Amino acid sequence: MTLPAELTHNVRNGYLKPVKPISMRRLGQAARATYRVLDSLRHDCNNRSKTGTLQLSPMDLAQR
C-alpha cells in the first residue's frame, strides 16, 4: 500500500493523532471541522509546542 506523500509527511511530523472513531461519528460535520480547526490552532509548528488556551472571536473561527 502506498500513502500519498502529504499524508506521510503529516504523520512523520506528528500532525495526525488518534481520535476514537465513535467520538467522531457522534459529531456532525460542522463540529468535526471546528474540532480540527481548534486543534490546529493549538499547535505551533515552529517550535512544536502546544498551547492550553486559545482566544479568538466566533467570527474569526467561522472564517477559518
C-alpha atoms as a PDB file:
ATOM      1  CA  MET A   1       0.000   0.000   0.000  1.00  0.00           C
ATOM      2  CA  THR A   2       1.292   3.460  -0.856  1.00  0.00           C
ATOM      3  CA  LEU A   3       0.125   6.523   1.035  1.00  0.00           C
ATOM      4  CA  PRO A   4       0.081   9.993  -0.506  1.00  0.00           C
ATOM      5  CA  ALA A   5       3.255  11.997   0.197  1.00  0.00           C
ATOM      6  CA  GLU A   6       1.292  14.720   2.008  1.00  0.00           C
ATOM      7  CA  LEU A   7      -0.217  12.183   4.403  1.00  0.00           C
ATOM      8  CA  THR A   8       3.113  10.529   5.192  1.00  0.00           C
ATOM      9  CA  HIS A   9       4.685  13.956   5.727  1.00  0.00           C
ATOM     10  CA  ASN A  10       1.945  14.838   8.223  1.00  0.00           C
ATOM     11  CA  VAL A  11       2.311  11.544  10.079  1.00  0.00           C
ATOM     12  CA  ARG A  12       6.082  11.892  10.326  1.00  0.00           C
ATOM     13  CA  ASN A  13       5.759  15.441  11.638  1.00  0.00           C
ATOM     14  CA  GLY A  14       3.213  14.460  14.269  1.00  0.00           C
ATOM     15  CA  TYR A  15       0.281  16.342  12.762  1.00  0.00           C
ATOM     16  CA  LEU A  16      -2.075  13.376  12.985  1.00  0.00           C
ATOM     17  CA  LYS A  17      -3.308  11.901  16.200  1.00  0.00           C
ATOM     18  CA  PRO A  18      -5.698   9.109  17.020  1.00  0.00           C
ATOM     19  CA  VAL A  19      -9.267  10.018  17.872  1.00  0.00           C
ATOM     20  CA  LYS A  20     -11.780   7.391  18.829  1.00  0.00           C
ATOM     21  CA  PRO A  21     -13.921   6.780  15.735  1.00  0.00           C
ATOM     22  CA  ILE A  22     -17.069   6.540  17.816  1.00  0.00           C
ATOM     23  CA  SER A  23     -16.404  10.018  19.217  1.00  0.00           C
ATOM     24  CA  MET A  24     -16.007  11.497  15.755  1.00  0.00           C
ATOM     25  CA  ARG A  25     -19.119   9.745  14.426  1.00  0.00           C
ATOM     26  CA  ARG A  26     -21.189  11.322  17.186  1.00  0.00           C
ATOM     27  CA  LEU A  27     -20.186  14.776  15.995  1.00  0.00           C
ATOM     28  CA  GLY A  28     -21.767  16.409  12.980  1.00  0.00           C
ATOM     29  CA  GLN A  29     -19.666  17.622  10.071  1.00  0.00           C
ATOM     30  CA  ALA A  30     -19.520  21.212  11.368  1.00  0.00           C
ATOM     31  CA  ALA A  31     -18.411  20.044  14.821  1.00  0.00           C
ATOM     32  CA  ARG A  32     -15.691  17.819  13.331  1.00  0.00           C
ATOM     33  CA  ALA A  33     -14.413  20.706  11.225  1.00  0.00           C
ATOM     34  CA  THR A  34     -14.436  23.015  14.255  1.00  0.00           C
ATOM     35  CA  TYR A  35     -12.523  20.432  16.288  1.00  0.00           C
ATOM     36  CA  ARG A  36      -9.860  20.184  13.582  1.00  0.00           C
ATOM     37  CA  VAL A  37      -9.502  23.964  13.261  1.00  0.00           C
ATOM     38  CA  LEU A  38      -9.203  24.473  17.012  1.00  0.00           C
ATOM     39  CA  ASP A  39      -6.732  21.626  17.346  1.00  0.00           C
ATOM     40  CA  SER A  40      -4.564  23.010  14.536  1.00  0.00           C
ATOM     41  CA  LEU A  41      -4.559  26.457  16.153  1.00  0.00           C
ATOM     42  CA  ARG A  42      -3.233  24.936  19.384  1.00  0.00           C
ATOM     43  CA  HIS A  43      -0.073  23.673  17.680  1.00  0.00           C
ATOM     44  CA  ASP A  44       2.881  25.926  16.915  1.00  0.00           C
ATOM     45  CA  CYS A  45       4.730  24.278  14.031  1.00  0.00           C
ATOM     46  CA  ASN A  46       7.823  26.428  14.516  1.00  0.00           C
ATOM     47  CA  ASN A  47       8.764  25.154  17.950  1.00  0.00           C
ATOM     48  CA  ARG A  48       6.475  22.096  18.030  1.00  0.00           C
ATOM     49  CA  SER A  49       4.676  23.170  21.183  1.00  0.00           C
ATOM     50  CA  LYS A  50       1.006  23.246  22.138  1.00  0.00           C
ATOM     51  CA  THR A  51      -0.920  25.964  23.868  1.00  0.00           C
ATOM     52  CA  GLY A  52      -3.518  25.124  26.500  1.00  0.00           C
ATOM     53  CA  THR A  53      -5.739  28.114  25.766  1.00  0.00           C
ATOM     54  CA  LEU A  54      -6.990  29.938  22.699  1.00  0.00           C
ATOM     55  CA  GLN A  55      -8.651  33.311  22.371  1.00  0.00           C
ATOM     56  CA  LEU A  56     -10.488  34.071  19.165  1.00  0.00           C
ATOM     57  CA  SER A  57     -13.792  35.580  18.235  1.00  0.00           C
ATOM     58  CA  PRO A  58     -16.652  33.490  16.844  1.00  0.00           C
ATOM     59  CA  MET A  59     -16.298  35.406  13.565  1.00  0.00           C
ATOM     60  CA  ASP A  60     -12.595  34.526  13.332  1.00  0.00           C
ATOM     61  CA  LEU A  61     -13.415  30.882  13.999  1.00  0.00           C
ATOM     62  CA  ALA A  62     -16.149  30.964  11.338  1.00  0.00           C
ATOM     63  CA  GLN A  63     -13.706  32.387   8.771  1.00  0.00           C
ATOM     64  CA  ARG A  64     -11.207  29.627   9.471  1.00  0.00           C
END
